[in-house]
Amino acid sequence: MVAVADAFDAMTSNRSYSRARPVPVAVAELERCAGNHFDPRMVGALVRALDRHGWRPAVTADETPSGGGVPKAREASAPSSSSAPSGERA
């Protein structure tokens, strides 16, 4: 299960060494390798889940969400504008 999910994520995500592949291309590759590299039942489960729920990649901290603004991970790590000294709560 983890191998199929990891391969799907790797193929559908932008990496420093390759661009993200479209979901249908990634699924075709998983299906081609089912039985050799991947458990065919796990590939089938992923395909059924994608058919049922679709796929929308998560936005990571180093990407800008489609609506603009600051991603949550950066928002949480941004310095506070509070005047309280470090270690104290305002």
N, C-alpha and C. Protein backbone atom coordinates (compact mmCIF):
# COMPACT_ATOMS: atom_id res chain seq x y z
N MET A 1 0.83 -1.18 0.00
CA MET A 1 0.00 0.00 0.00
C MET A 1 0.88 1.25 0.00
N VAL A 2 1.88 1.27 0.86
CA VAL A 2 2.75 2.43 0.97
C VAL A 2 3.54 2.64 -0.32
N ALA A 3 4.01 1.56 -0.93
CA ALA A 3 4.79 1.68 -2.16
C ALA A 3 3.96 2.30 -3.28
N VAL A 4 2.69 1.90 -3.40
CA VAL A 4 1.81 2.45 -4.44
C VAL A 4 1.56 3.93 -4.17
N ALA A 5 1.23 4.27 -2.92
CA ALA A 5 0.98 5.67 -2.57
C ALA A 5 2.21 6.53 -2.79
N ASP A 6 3.38 6.02 -2.41
CA ASP A 6 4.62 6.77 -2.57
C ASP A 6 4.94 6.99 -4.05
N ALA A 7 4.78 5.95 -4.86
CA ALA A 7 5.05 6.08 -6.29
C ALA A 7 4.09 7.07 -6.93
N PHE A 8 2.81 7.00 -6.56
CA PHE A 8 1.82 7.92 -7.10
C PHE A 8 2.18 9.36 -6.72
N ASP A 9 2.52 9.57 -5.46
CA ASP A 9 2.89 10.91 -5.01
C ASP A 9 4.13 11.41 -5.74
N ALA A 10 5.12 10.55 -5.91
CA ALA A 10 6.35 10.95 -6.60
C ALA A 10 6.07 11.34 -8.05
N MET A 11 5.19 10.59 -8.70
CA MET A 11 4.90 10.88 -10.11
C MET A 11 4.02 12.10 -10.30
N THR A 12 3.18 12.42 -9.33
CA THR A 12 2.23 13.53 -9.50
C THR A 12 2.68 14.80 -8.79
N SER A 13 3.89 14.82 -8.26
CA SER A 13 4.44 16.00 -7.59
C SER A 13 5.61 16.56 -8.38
N ASN A 14 5.76 17.87 -8.36
CA ASN A 14 6.94 18.48 -8.96
C ASN A 14 8.14 18.16 -8.08
N ARG A 15 9.20 17.72 -8.69
CA ARG A 15 10.45 17.41 -7.99
C ARG A 15 11.57 18.23 -8.62
N SER A 16 12.67 18.37 -7.94
CA SER A 16 13.78 19.14 -8.49
C SER A 16 14.31 18.51 -9.77
N TYR A 17 14.11 17.20 -9.94
CA TYR A 17 14.63 16.50 -11.10
C TYR A 17 13.57 16.15 -12.14
N SER A 18 12.28 16.42 -11.87
CA SER A 18 11.25 16.14 -12.87
C SER A 18 9.96 16.88 -12.55
N ARG A 19 9.20 17.15 -13.60
CA ARG A 19 7.90 17.81 -13.44
C ARG A 19 6.84 16.78 -13.10
N ALA A 20 5.78 17.24 -12.46
CA ALA A 20 4.67 16.35 -12.10
C ALA A 20 4.01 15.80 -13.36
N ARG A 21 3.66 14.53 -13.33
CA ARG A 21 2.92 13.90 -14.43
C ARG A 21 1.43 14.05 -14.17
N PRO A 22 0.62 14.10 -15.22
CA PRO A 22 -0.83 14.12 -15.01
C PRO A 22 -1.28 12.81 -14.34
N VAL A 23 -2.36 12.87 -13.56
CA VAL A 23 -2.86 11.71 -12.84
C VAL A 23 -3.09 10.51 -13.77
N PRO A 24 -3.74 10.68 -14.94
CA PRO A 24 -3.94 9.51 -15.80
C PRO A 24 -2.63 8.84 -16.24
N VAL A 25 -1.60 9.60 -16.44
CA VAL A 25 -0.29 9.04 -16.83
C VAL A 25 0.30 8.26 -15.65
N ALA A 26 0.19 8.81 -14.45
CA ALA A 26 0.71 8.12 -13.27
C ALA A 26 -0.06 6.82 -13.02
N VAL A 27 -1.38 6.86 -13.17
CA VAL A 27 -2.20 5.66 -12.98
C VAL A 27 -1.83 4.60 -14.02
N ALA A 28 -1.63 5.01 -15.26
CA ALA A 28 -1.25 4.06 -16.31
C ALA A 28 0.09 3.40 -15.98
N GLU A 29 1.01 4.16 -15.44
CA GLU A 29 2.31 3.60 -15.06
C GLU A 29 2.16 2.61 -13.90
N LEU A 30 1.35 2.94 -12.92
CA LEU A 30 1.11 2.02 -11.81
C LEU A 30 0.46 0.73 -12.30
N GLU A 31 -0.51 0.87 -13.19
CA GLU A 31 -1.19 -0.31 -13.74
C GLU A 31 -0.22 -1.16 -14.57
N ARG A 32 0.67 -0.51 -15.29
CA ARG A 32 1.66 -1.24 -16.09
C ARG A 32 2.59 -2.06 -15.19
N CYS A 33 2.90 -1.51 -14.03
CA CYS A 33 3.83 -2.17 -13.11
C CYS A 33 3.14 -3.07 -12.08
N ALA A 34 1.80 -3.10 -12.10
CA ALA A 34 1.07 -3.95 -11.16
C ALA A 34 1.40 -5.41 -11.44
N GLY A 35 1.71 -6.14 -10.39
CA GLY A 35 2.07 -7.54 -10.55
C GLY A 35 3.56 -7.76 -10.56
N ASN A 36 4.32 -6.75 -10.99
CA ASN A 36 5.79 -6.84 -10.98
C ASN A 36 6.37 -6.05 -9.81
N HIS A 37 6.08 -4.75 -9.79
CA HIS A 37 6.61 -3.87 -8.74
C HIS A 37 5.61 -3.59 -7.64
N PHE A 38 4.33 -3.63 -7.97
CA PHE A 38 3.29 -3.26 -7.02
C PHE A 38 2.24 -4.35 -6.91
N ASP A 39 1.65 -4.46 -5.73
CA ASP A 39 0.56 -5.39 -5.51
C ASP A 39 -0.64 -4.92 -6.34
N PRO A 40 -1.13 -5.75 -7.26
CA PRO A 40 -2.25 -5.33 -8.12
C PRO A 40 -3.50 -4.93 -7.34
N ARG A 41 -3.72 -5.54 -6.17
CA ARG A 41 -4.88 -5.16 -5.35
C ARG A 41 -4.75 -3.75 -4.83
N MET A 42 -3.54 -3.35 -4.49
CA MET A 42 -3.31 -2.00 -3.96
C MET A 42 -3.43 -0.96 -5.09
N VAL A 43 -2.95 -1.30 -6.27
CA VAL A 43 -3.12 -0.40 -7.42
C VAL A 43 -4.60 -0.23 -7.72
N GLY A 44 -5.34 -1.34 -7.71
CA GLY A 44 -6.78 -1.28 -7.94
C GLY A 44 -7.50 -0.44 -6.90
N ALA A 45 -7.08 -0.57 -5.64
CA ALA A 45 -7.69 0.22 -4.56
C ALA A 45 -7.45 1.71 -4.78
N LEU A 46 -6.23 2.07 -5.19
CA LEU A 46 -5.93 3.48 -5.46
C LEU A 46 -6.78 3.99 -6.63
N VAL A 47 -6.87 3.22 -7.68
CA VAL A 47 -7.66 3.62 -8.86
C VAL A 47 -9.12 3.83 -8.47
N ARG A 48 -9.68 2.92 -7.67
CA ARG A 48 -11.07 3.06 -7.22
C ARG A 48 -11.25 4.31 -6.36
N ALA A 49 -10.29 4.56 -5.48
CA ALA A 49 -10.36 5.76 -4.62
C ALA A 49 -10.28 7.03 -5.46
N LEU A 50 -9.42 7.04 -6.47
CA LEU A 50 -9.32 8.21 -7.35
C LEU A 50 -10.61 8.41 -8.14
N ASP A 51 -11.21 7.31 -8.61
CA ASP A 51 -12.48 7.40 -9.33
C ASP A 51 -13.58 7.97 -8.43
N ARG A 52 -13.57 7.55 -7.18
CA ARG A 52 -14.60 7.96 -6.24
C ARG A 52 -14.40 9.39 -5.74
N HIS A 53 -13.15 9.75 -5.43
CA HIS A 53 -12.88 11.01 -4.75
C HIS A 53 -12.07 12.01 -5.55
N GLY A 54 -11.49 11.59 -6.66
CA GLY A 54 -10.63 12.49 -7.44
C GLY A 54 -9.30 12.71 -6.74
N TRP A 55 -8.54 13.65 -7.25
CA TRP A 55 -7.23 13.94 -6.67
C TRP A 55 -6.97 15.42 -6.74
N ARG A 56 -6.63 16.00 -5.61
CA ARG A 56 -6.23 17.39 -5.53
C ARG A 56 -4.98 17.43 -4.67
N PRO A 57 -3.82 17.72 -5.27
CA PRO A 57 -2.59 17.70 -4.48
C PRO A 57 -2.62 18.74 -3.37
N ALA A 58 -2.01 18.43 -2.27
CA ALA A 58 -1.91 19.36 -1.14
C ALA A 58 -0.92 20.45 -1.48
N VAL A 59 -1.12 21.62 -0.91
CA VAL A 59 -0.19 22.73 -1.07
C VAL A 59 0.82 22.63 0.06
N THR A 60 2.10 22.62 -0.29
CA THR A 60 3.14 22.53 0.72
C THR A 60 3.59 23.92 1.13
N ALA A 61 4.42 23.99 2.14
CA ALA A 61 4.86 25.27 2.69
C ALA A 61 5.63 26.11 1.67
N ASP A 62 6.27 25.49 0.69
CA ASP A 62 7.05 26.25 -0.28
C ASP A 62 6.26 26.60 -1.54
N GLU A 63 4.95 26.34 -1.54
CA GLU A 63 4.11 26.67 -2.68
C GLU A 63 3.06 27.70 -2.27
N THR A 64 2.57 28.44 -3.23
CA THR A 64 1.53 29.42 -2.98
C THR A 64 0.18 28.79 -3.26
N PRO A 65 -0.77 28.88 -2.33
CA PRO A 65 -2.10 28.33 -2.61
C PRO A 65 -2.75 29.08 -3.75
N SER A 66 -3.69 28.43 -4.43
CA SER A 66 -4.32 29.03 -5.60
C SER A 66 -5.04 30.33 -5.28
N GLY A 67 -5.49 30.50 -4.06
CA GLY A 67 -6.20 31.72 -3.68
C GLY A 67 -5.27 32.84 -3.28
N GLY A 68 -3.95 32.62 -3.34
CA GLY A 68 -2.99 33.63 -2.91
C GLY A 68 -2.85 33.62 -1.40
N GLY A 69 -2.08 34.52 -0.89
CA GLY A 69 -1.90 34.59 0.56
C GLY A 69 -0.73 33.75 1.02
N VAL A 70 -0.62 33.64 2.32
CA VAL A 70 0.50 32.92 2.92
C VAL A 70 0.06 31.52 3.29
N PRO A 71 0.81 30.49 2.88
CA PRO A 71 0.46 29.13 3.29
C PRO A 71 0.46 29.01 4.80
N LYS A 72 -0.37 28.13 5.34
CA LYS A 72 -0.52 27.97 6.78
C LYS A 72 0.80 27.68 7.47
N ALA A 73 1.66 26.86 6.88
CA ALA A 73 2.92 26.51 7.53
C ALA A 73 3.79 27.75 7.73
N ARG A 74 3.81 28.64 6.76
CA ARG A 74 4.60 29.86 6.90
C ARG A 74 3.90 30.83 7.85
N GLU A 75 2.59 30.87 7.80
CA GLU A 75 1.84 31.75 8.68
C GLU A 75 2.14 31.42 10.13
N ALA A 76 2.17 30.13 10.44
CA ALA A 76 2.42 29.70 11.81
C ALA A 76 3.84 30.01 12.26
N SER A 77 4.80 30.01 11.33
CA SER A 77 6.18 30.24 11.71
C SER A 77 6.60 31.71 11.58
N ALA A 78 5.69 32.55 11.10
CA ALA A 78 6.01 33.98 10.95
C ALA A 78 6.22 34.60 12.32
N PRO A 79 7.16 35.54 12.45
CA PRO A 79 7.38 36.19 13.75
C PRO A 79 6.13 36.94 14.19
N SER A 80 5.89 36.90 15.46
CA SER A 80 4.73 37.57 16.03
C SER A 80 4.99 39.07 16.13
N SER A 81 3.94 39.86 15.96
CA SER A 81 4.09 41.31 16.10
C SER A 81 3.79 41.73 17.53
N SER A 82 3.67 40.78 18.43
CA SER A 82 3.39 41.05 19.83
C SER A 82 4.57 41.76 20.46
N SER A 83 4.31 42.63 21.43
CA SER A 83 5.40 43.32 22.11
C SER A 83 5.85 42.57 23.34
N ALA A 84 5.29 41.40 23.61
CA ALA A 84 5.68 40.61 24.77
C ALA A 84 7.08 40.06 24.57
N PRO A 85 7.91 40.08 25.63
CA PRO A 85 9.26 39.51 25.50
C PRO A 85 9.20 38.03 25.16
N SER A 86 10.27 37.54 24.59
CA SER A 86 10.35 36.14 24.19
C SER A 86 10.09 35.24 25.39
N GLY A 87 9.25 34.22 25.19
CA GLY A 87 8.96 33.28 26.25
C GLY A 87 7.73 33.66 27.07
N GLU A 88 7.25 34.89 26.94
CA GLU A 88 6.06 35.32 27.67
C GLU A 88 4.91 35.47 26.69
N ARG A 89 3.71 35.21 27.18
CA ARG A 89 2.50 35.38 26.37
C ARG A 89 1.89 36.73 26.63
N ALA A 90 1.35 37.34 25.60
CA ALA A 90 0.73 38.65 25.75
C ALA A 90 -0.64 38.51 26.35
